[in-house]
Amino acid sequence: MVAIDTPSSLESFRRFIISSTCKSYAPRSYLDDFEVFAEREDNLGSIYVEAADKVTLKKIRDITFVNARDVLGIIYNSKSGNTSLKWRQLRRNNGKVTGEASSNSLINLAESGVLTLDWVENYLKKKFAKPDTDEVAS
């Protein structure tokens, strides 16, 4: 598990959720519409969109597609339970993603633009940093 605390656009987080859950079967028009979000019930790894205006569009498999405007926050929990993330609005369509992500989710976060290449490089440097070799053993 990797701790996540990074700024993110709403659209990047929307793309992350879709790529993590339903990209293979979501209607193309839903994938291209920045107001369409995926939701899922609690017992399946919950996904919930908190918005000022939200309308249910269609349920396909375990995903309910909703049209949401003025999104205030999104809660995402993976089916495996290894990823738990929250996007919170800071200003309009910009916000912050916090929580913990699995290695599989890290790939989707990077591909969707939530995590930048700089973030990934810094994480890898920290994770695989060699111990300080300047110290002389006595």
N, C-alpha and C. Protein backbone atom coordinates (compact mmCIF):
# COMPACT_ATOMS: atom_id res chain seq x y z
N MET A 1 0.83 -1.18 0.00
CA MET A 1 0.00 0.00 0.00
C MET A 1 0.88 1.25 0.00
N VAL A 2 0.47 2.22 -0.80
CA VAL A 2 1.21 3.46 -0.94
C VAL A 2 0.31 4.62 -0.53
N ALA A 3 0.81 5.47 0.35
CA ALA A 3 0.04 6.64 0.77
C ALA A 3 0.00 7.65 -0.37
N ILE A 4 -1.21 8.16 -0.65
CA ILE A 4 -1.42 9.13 -1.71
C ILE A 4 -1.92 10.43 -1.09
N ASP A 5 -1.32 11.54 -1.48
CA ASP A 5 -1.75 12.86 -1.06
C ASP A 5 -1.27 13.81 -2.15
N THR A 6 -2.13 14.05 -3.15
CA THR A 6 -1.69 14.80 -4.32
C THR A 6 -2.83 15.60 -4.93
N PRO A 7 -2.53 16.75 -5.51
CA PRO A 7 -3.58 17.50 -6.22
C PRO A 7 -4.00 16.74 -7.47
N SER A 8 -5.27 16.89 -7.85
CA SER A 8 -5.77 16.20 -9.04
C SER A 8 -7.00 16.92 -9.58
N SER A 9 -7.12 16.90 -10.89
CA SER A 9 -8.35 17.42 -11.49
C SER A 9 -9.46 16.39 -11.31
N LEU A 10 -10.68 16.85 -11.34
CA LEU A 10 -11.83 15.95 -11.26
C LEU A 10 -11.82 14.98 -12.42
N GLU A 11 -11.50 15.46 -13.62
CA GLU A 11 -11.51 14.62 -14.81
C GLU A 11 -10.47 13.50 -14.71
N SER A 12 -9.30 13.78 -14.19
CA SER A 12 -8.28 12.73 -14.02
C SER A 12 -8.78 11.65 -13.07
N PHE A 13 -9.41 12.07 -11.95
CA PHE A 13 -9.90 11.07 -11.00
C PHE A 13 -11.07 10.28 -11.58
N ARG A 14 -11.92 10.94 -12.37
CA ARG A 14 -13.02 10.25 -13.06
C ARG A 14 -12.46 9.17 -14.00
N ARG A 15 -11.42 9.53 -14.76
CA ARG A 15 -10.79 8.56 -15.68
C ARG A 15 -10.16 7.40 -14.91
N PHE A 16 -9.56 7.70 -13.73
CA PHE A 16 -9.00 6.64 -12.90
C PHE A 16 -10.07 5.64 -12.49
N ILE A 17 -11.21 6.13 -12.02
CA ILE A 17 -12.28 5.24 -11.57
C ILE A 17 -12.79 4.39 -12.73
N ILE A 18 -12.99 5.00 -13.87
CA ILE A 18 -13.49 4.25 -15.03
C ILE A 18 -12.48 3.20 -15.46
N SER A 19 -11.19 3.56 -15.53
CA SER A 19 -10.19 2.57 -15.96
C SER A 19 -10.04 1.46 -14.93
N SER A 20 -10.30 1.73 -13.67
CA SER A 20 -10.19 0.73 -12.61
C SER A 20 -11.40 -0.19 -12.52
N THR A 21 -12.52 0.23 -13.10
CA THR A 21 -13.76 -0.53 -12.86
C THR A 21 -14.49 -1.00 -14.12
N CYS A 22 -14.68 -0.14 -15.10
CA CYS A 22 -15.65 -0.47 -16.14
C CYS A 22 -15.27 -0.04 -17.55
N LYS A 23 -14.01 0.25 -17.79
CA LYS A 23 -13.58 0.77 -19.09
C LYS A 23 -13.92 -0.19 -20.23
N SER A 24 -13.85 -1.48 -19.96
CA SER A 24 -14.06 -2.47 -21.03
C SER A 24 -15.52 -2.58 -21.48
N TYR A 25 -16.46 -2.16 -20.66
CA TYR A 25 -17.87 -2.32 -21.05
C TYR A 25 -18.73 -1.06 -20.95
N ALA A 26 -18.14 0.03 -20.51
CA ALA A 26 -18.91 1.28 -20.44
C ALA A 26 -19.19 1.79 -21.86
N PRO A 27 -20.40 2.30 -22.10
CA PRO A 27 -20.69 2.88 -23.41
C PRO A 27 -19.71 4.00 -23.76
N ARG A 28 -19.30 4.05 -25.00
CA ARG A 28 -18.32 5.04 -25.45
C ARG A 28 -18.77 6.47 -25.10
N SER A 29 -20.05 6.75 -25.25
CA SER A 29 -20.56 8.09 -24.95
C SER A 29 -20.35 8.45 -23.48
N TYR A 30 -20.41 7.45 -22.58
CA TYR A 30 -20.18 7.70 -21.16
C TYR A 30 -18.70 7.97 -20.90
N LEU A 31 -17.83 7.25 -21.58
CA LEU A 31 -16.39 7.43 -21.40
C LEU A 31 -15.95 8.84 -21.79
N ASP A 32 -16.57 9.38 -22.82
CA ASP A 32 -16.19 10.69 -23.35
C ASP A 32 -16.87 11.86 -22.65
N ASP A 33 -17.89 11.61 -21.84
CA ASP A 33 -18.66 12.67 -21.19
C ASP A 33 -18.11 12.95 -19.79
N PHE A 34 -17.53 14.13 -19.59
CA PHE A 34 -16.89 14.46 -18.32
C PHE A 34 -17.88 14.62 -17.16
N GLU A 35 -19.18 14.55 -17.42
CA GLU A 35 -20.17 14.63 -16.35
C GLU A 35 -20.70 13.25 -15.94
N VAL A 36 -20.24 12.18 -16.62
CA VAL A 36 -20.71 10.82 -16.30
C VAL A 36 -19.68 10.13 -15.41
N PHE A 37 -20.17 9.64 -14.27
CA PHE A 37 -19.34 8.98 -13.27
C PHE A 37 -19.87 7.59 -12.97
N ALA A 38 -18.99 6.73 -12.48
CA ALA A 38 -19.37 5.37 -12.07
C ALA A 38 -19.56 5.34 -10.56
N GLU A 39 -20.64 4.67 -10.14
CA GLU A 39 -20.88 4.42 -8.71
C GLU A 39 -21.07 2.93 -8.52
N ARG A 40 -20.82 2.46 -7.28
CA ARG A 40 -20.98 1.04 -6.97
C ARG A 40 -21.43 0.91 -5.52
N GLU A 41 -22.21 -0.13 -5.26
CA GLU A 41 -22.75 -0.34 -3.91
C GLU A 41 -21.65 -0.76 -2.93
N ASP A 42 -21.93 -0.54 -1.64
CA ASP A 42 -20.96 -0.80 -0.57
C ASP A 42 -20.40 -2.21 -0.56
N ASN A 43 -21.24 -3.22 -0.74
CA ASN A 43 -20.79 -4.60 -0.60
C ASN A 43 -19.85 -5.05 -1.71
N LEU A 44 -19.66 -4.23 -2.74
CA LEU A 44 -18.81 -4.59 -3.87
C LEU A 44 -17.55 -3.73 -3.93
N GLY A 45 -17.25 -2.97 -2.92
CA GLY A 45 -16.17 -1.99 -2.98
C GLY A 45 -16.80 -0.69 -3.41
N SER A 46 -17.18 0.12 -2.47
CA SER A 46 -18.03 1.28 -2.76
C SER A 46 -17.35 2.36 -3.59
N ILE A 47 -18.17 2.98 -4.43
CA ILE A 47 -17.79 4.19 -5.14
C ILE A 47 -18.98 5.12 -5.00
N TYR A 48 -18.73 6.30 -4.45
CA TYR A 48 -19.83 7.23 -4.22
C TYR A 48 -19.42 8.62 -4.68
N VAL A 49 -20.31 9.27 -5.44
CA VAL A 49 -20.08 10.63 -5.92
C VAL A 49 -21.00 11.57 -5.17
N GLU A 50 -20.41 12.55 -4.49
CA GLU A 50 -21.18 13.57 -3.78
C GLU A 50 -21.22 14.80 -4.67
N ALA A 51 -22.43 15.16 -5.09
CA ALA A 51 -22.57 16.28 -6.02
C ALA A 51 -23.82 17.09 -5.71
N ALA A 52 -23.82 18.35 -6.13
CA ALA A 52 -24.97 19.23 -5.94
C ALA A 52 -26.15 18.75 -6.79
N ASP A 53 -25.86 18.17 -7.96
CA ASP A 53 -26.89 17.69 -8.88
C ASP A 53 -26.44 16.36 -9.46
N LYS A 54 -27.24 15.32 -9.23
CA LYS A 54 -26.87 13.98 -9.68
C LYS A 54 -28.10 13.23 -10.15
N VAL A 55 -28.00 12.60 -11.35
CA VAL A 55 -29.10 11.85 -11.93
C VAL A 55 -28.58 10.47 -12.37
N THR A 56 -29.30 9.41 -12.01
CA THR A 56 -28.92 8.07 -12.43
C THR A 56 -29.23 7.88 -13.91
N LEU A 57 -28.26 7.36 -14.66
CA LEU A 57 -28.44 7.12 -16.09
C LEU A 57 -28.78 5.67 -16.39
N LYS A 58 -27.91 4.75 -15.96
CA LYS A 58 -28.08 3.35 -16.33
C LYS A 58 -27.20 2.47 -15.45
N LYS A 59 -27.70 1.26 -15.15
CA LYS A 59 -26.90 0.30 -14.41
C LYS A 59 -26.44 -0.78 -15.38
N ILE A 60 -25.13 -1.01 -15.42
CA ILE A 60 -24.55 -2.07 -16.25
C ILE A 60 -23.65 -2.90 -15.34
N ARG A 61 -23.94 -4.20 -15.26
CA ARG A 61 -23.24 -5.10 -14.33
C ARG A 61 -23.35 -4.54 -12.92
N ASP A 62 -22.22 -4.33 -12.24
CA ASP A 62 -22.29 -3.83 -10.86
C ASP A 62 -22.08 -2.31 -10.77
N ILE A 63 -22.02 -1.64 -11.91
CA ILE A 63 -21.78 -0.20 -11.94
C ILE A 63 -23.05 0.57 -12.30
N THR A 64 -23.34 1.60 -11.53
CA THR A 64 -24.43 2.52 -11.85
C THR A 64 -23.79 3.80 -12.38
N PHE A 65 -24.14 4.17 -13.60
CA PHE A 65 -23.61 5.39 -14.20
C PHE A 65 -24.52 6.55 -13.84
N VAL A 66 -23.90 7.65 -13.39
CA VAL A 66 -24.66 8.83 -13.00
C VAL A 66 -24.11 10.05 -13.73
N ASN A 67 -25.00 10.99 -14.00
CA ASN A 67 -24.60 12.29 -14.52
C ASN A 67 -24.53 13.21 -13.33
N ALA A 68 -23.34 13.78 -13.07
CA ALA A 68 -23.16 14.60 -11.88
C ALA A 68 -22.57 15.96 -12.25
N ARG A 69 -23.13 17.00 -11.64
CA ARG A 69 -22.63 18.37 -11.81
C ARG A 69 -22.27 18.93 -10.45
N ASP A 70 -21.30 19.82 -10.44
CA ASP A 70 -20.84 20.44 -9.20
C ASP A 70 -20.43 19.37 -8.18
N VAL A 71 -19.48 18.52 -8.59
CA VAL A 71 -19.01 17.43 -7.74
C VAL A 71 -18.18 18.00 -6.60
N LEU A 72 -18.55 17.60 -5.38
CA LEU A 72 -17.86 18.06 -4.18
C LEU A 72 -16.82 17.06 -3.70
N GLY A 73 -17.10 15.77 -3.94
CA GLY A 73 -16.18 14.74 -3.49
C GLY A 73 -16.54 13.39 -4.08
N ILE A 74 -15.56 12.49 -4.09
CA ILE A 74 -15.76 11.11 -4.56
C ILE A 74 -15.02 10.19 -3.60
N ILE A 75 -15.69 9.13 -3.20
CA ILE A 75 -15.07 8.10 -2.37
C ILE A 75 -14.93 6.85 -3.22
N TYR A 76 -13.71 6.29 -3.29
CA TYR A 76 -13.44 5.10 -4.08
C TYR A 76 -12.79 4.03 -3.20
N ASN A 77 -13.41 2.86 -3.16
CA ASN A 77 -12.83 1.69 -2.50
C ASN A 77 -12.83 0.55 -3.49
N SER A 78 -11.67 -0.09 -3.66
CA SER A 78 -11.56 -1.19 -4.63
C SER A 78 -12.28 -2.43 -4.10
N LYS A 79 -12.63 -3.34 -5.03
CA LYS A 79 -13.26 -4.59 -4.64
C LYS A 79 -12.37 -5.40 -3.71
N SER A 80 -11.06 -5.37 -3.96
CA SER A 80 -10.11 -6.15 -3.15
C SER A 80 -9.93 -5.56 -1.76
N GLY A 81 -10.27 -4.28 -1.61
CA GLY A 81 -10.06 -3.61 -0.34
C GLY A 81 -8.65 -3.06 -0.18
N ASN A 82 -7.82 -3.21 -1.20
CA ASN A 82 -6.43 -2.75 -1.11
C ASN A 82 -6.26 -1.27 -1.46
N THR A 83 -7.28 -0.66 -2.03
CA THR A 83 -7.21 0.75 -2.38
C THR A 83 -8.40 1.49 -1.78
N SER A 84 -8.11 2.59 -1.13
CA SER A 84 -9.13 3.43 -0.53
C SER A 84 -8.72 4.88 -0.75
N LEU A 85 -9.43 5.57 -1.65
CA LEU A 85 -9.06 6.93 -2.02
C LEU A 85 -10.26 7.87 -1.94
N LYS A 86 -9.97 9.14 -1.66
CA LYS A 86 -11.00 10.18 -1.66
C LYS A 86 -10.50 11.35 -2.48
N TRP A 87 -11.37 11.86 -3.34
CA TRP A 87 -11.11 13.11 -4.05
C TRP A 87 -12.00 14.15 -3.41
N ARG A 88 -11.43 15.27 -3.02
CA ARG A 88 -12.19 16.37 -2.43
C ARG A 88 -11.96 17.63 -3.24
N GLN A 89 -13.04 18.32 -3.55
CA GLN A 89 -12.96 19.56 -4.31
C GLN A 89 -12.26 20.63 -3.48
N LEU A 90 -11.31 21.33 -4.12
CA LEU A 90 -10.68 22.49 -3.51
C LEU A 90 -11.18 23.76 -4.18
N ARG A 91 -11.25 23.72 -5.51
CA ARG A 91 -11.72 24.88 -6.27
C ARG A 91 -12.24 24.39 -7.61
N ARG A 92 -13.52 24.58 -7.85
CA ARG A 92 -14.19 24.14 -9.08
C ARG A 92 -13.89 22.68 -9.38
N ASN A 93 -13.19 22.41 -10.50
CA ASN A 93 -12.91 21.02 -10.89
C ASN A 93 -11.51 20.58 -10.48
N ASN A 94 -10.91 21.30 -9.55
CA ASN A 94 -9.61 20.89 -9.03
C ASN A 94 -9.76 20.49 -7.58
N GLY A 95 -9.02 19.45 -7.22
CA GLY A 95 -9.14 18.95 -5.86
C GLY A 95 -7.88 18.24 -5.42
N LYS A 96 -8.07 17.37 -4.44
CA LYS A 96 -6.95 16.66 -3.84
C LYS A 96 -7.37 15.21 -3.62
N VAL A 97 -6.46 14.28 -3.97
CA VAL A 97 -6.70 12.86 -3.74
C VAL A 97 -5.86 12.42 -2.55
N THR A 98 -6.52 11.77 -1.59
CA THR A 98 -5.83 11.24 -0.42
C THR A 98 -6.27 9.81 -0.17
N GLY A 99 -5.41 9.06 0.50
CA GLY A 99 -5.75 7.69 0.85
C GLY A 99 -4.59 6.75 0.60
N GLU A 100 -4.93 5.47 0.39
CA GLU A 100 -3.92 4.44 0.14
C GLU A 100 -4.27 3.69 -1.13
N ALA A 101 -3.22 3.36 -1.89
CA ALA A 101 -3.43 2.68 -3.17
C ALA A 101 -2.53 1.46 -3.29
N SER A 102 -3.05 0.43 -3.96
CA SER A 102 -2.26 -0.76 -4.27
C SER A 102 -1.37 -0.46 -5.47
N SER A 103 -0.46 -1.38 -5.76
CA SER A 103 0.43 -1.19 -6.92
C SER A 103 -0.38 -1.18 -8.22
N ASN A 104 -1.43 -1.99 -8.31
CA ASN A 104 -2.28 -1.97 -9.51
C ASN A 104 -2.95 -0.62 -9.67
N SER A 105 -3.43 -0.06 -8.58
CA SER A 105 -4.08 1.25 -8.65
C SER A 105 -3.08 2.35 -9.00
N LEU A 106 -1.83 2.21 -8.58
CA LEU A 106 -0.81 3.21 -8.93
C LEU A 106 -0.67 3.33 -10.44
N ILE A 107 -0.73 2.22 -11.13
CA ILE A 107 -0.63 2.23 -12.59
C ILE A 107 -1.80 3.01 -13.17
N ASN A 108 -3.01 2.71 -12.73
CA ASN A 108 -4.20 3.42 -13.22
C ASN A 108 -4.17 4.90 -12.85
N LEU A 109 -3.68 5.21 -11.65
CA LEU A 109 -3.58 6.61 -11.23
C LEU A 109 -2.61 7.37 -12.13
N ALA A 110 -1.50 6.74 -12.49
CA ALA A 110 -0.52 7.39 -13.36
C ALA A 110 -1.05 7.52 -14.79
N GLU A 111 -1.68 6.47 -15.30
CA GLU A 111 -2.19 6.51 -16.67
C GLU A 111 -3.32 7.52 -16.83
N SER A 112 -4.09 7.75 -15.78
CA SER A 112 -5.22 8.67 -15.87
C SER A 112 -4.80 10.12 -15.59
N GLY A 113 -3.57 10.32 -15.16
CA GLY A 113 -3.09 11.67 -14.92
C GLY A 113 -3.23 12.17 -13.50
N VAL A 114 -3.72 11.33 -12.59
CA VAL A 114 -3.81 11.73 -11.18
C VAL A 114 -2.40 11.88 -10.61
N LEU A 115 -1.57 10.89 -10.88
CA LEU A 115 -0.17 10.96 -10.46
C LEU A 115 0.67 11.38 -11.66
N THR A 116 1.58 12.30 -11.42
CA THR A 116 2.46 12.76 -12.49
C THR A 116 3.70 11.88 -12.55
N LEU A 117 4.42 11.98 -13.64
CA LEU A 117 5.67 11.25 -13.79
C LEU A 117 6.66 11.66 -12.70
N ASP A 118 6.68 12.94 -12.34
CA ASP A 118 7.55 13.41 -11.26
C ASP A 118 7.20 12.73 -9.94
N TRP A 119 5.90 12.58 -9.66
CA TRP A 119 5.46 11.93 -8.42
C TRP A 119 5.97 10.50 -8.39
N VAL A 120 5.78 9.78 -9.49
CA VAL A 120 6.20 8.37 -9.57
C VAL A 120 7.72 8.26 -9.41
N GLU A 121 8.48 9.13 -10.10
CA GLU A 121 9.94 9.09 -9.99
C GLU A 121 10.40 9.37 -8.56
N ASN A 122 9.80 10.36 -7.90
CA ASN A 122 10.16 10.66 -6.52
C ASN A 122 9.83 9.50 -5.59
N TYR A 123 8.68 8.87 -5.82
CA TYR A 123 8.30 7.72 -5.00
C TYR A 123 9.31 6.59 -5.17
N LEU A 124 9.69 6.30 -6.41
CA LEU A 124 10.64 5.22 -6.66
C LEU A 124 12.01 5.52 -6.06
N LYS A 125 12.42 6.77 -6.13
CA LYS A 125 13.71 7.16 -5.52
C LYS A 125 13.69 6.90 -4.02
N LYS A 126 12.60 7.29 -3.37
CA LYS A 126 12.49 7.08 -1.92
C LYS A 126 12.43 5.60 -1.59
N LYS A 127 11.65 4.86 -2.37
CA LYS A 127 11.46 3.44 -2.08
C LYS A 127 12.75 2.64 -2.25
N PHE A 128 13.51 2.97 -3.27
CA PHE A 128 14.70 2.18 -3.59
C PHE A 128 16.00 2.92 -3.27
N ALA A 129 15.91 3.92 -2.41
CA ALA A 129 17.11 4.67 -2.02
C ALA A 129 18.06 3.73 -1.27
N LYS A 130 19.34 3.85 -1.61
CA LYS A 130 20.36 3.03 -0.94
C LYS A 130 20.69 3.69 0.40
N PRO A 131 21.02 2.88 1.39
CA PRO A 131 21.41 3.47 2.68
C PRO A 131 22.67 4.31 2.51
N ASP A 132 22.83 5.25 3.39
CA ASP A 132 23.98 6.16 3.32
C ASP A 132 25.27 5.36 3.46
N THR A 133 26.12 5.40 2.43
CA THR A 133 27.37 4.62 2.42
C THR A 133 28.56 5.44 2.88
N ASP A 134 28.34 6.70 3.24
CA ASP A 134 29.43 7.55 3.69
C ASP A 134 29.89 7.21 5.11
N GLU A 135 29.02 6.55 5.85
CA GLU A 135 29.38 6.20 7.22
C GLU A 135 30.36 5.03 7.21
N VAL A 136 31.39 5.12 8.05
CA VAL A 136 32.40 4.06 8.13
C VAL A 136 32.05 3.16 9.31
N ALA A 137 32.02 1.87 9.05
CA ALA A 137 31.73 0.92 10.12
C ALA A 137 32.92 0.82 11.05
N SER A 138 32.67 0.83 12.35
CA SER A 138 33.79 0.75 13.28
C SER A 138 33.93 -0.61 13.89
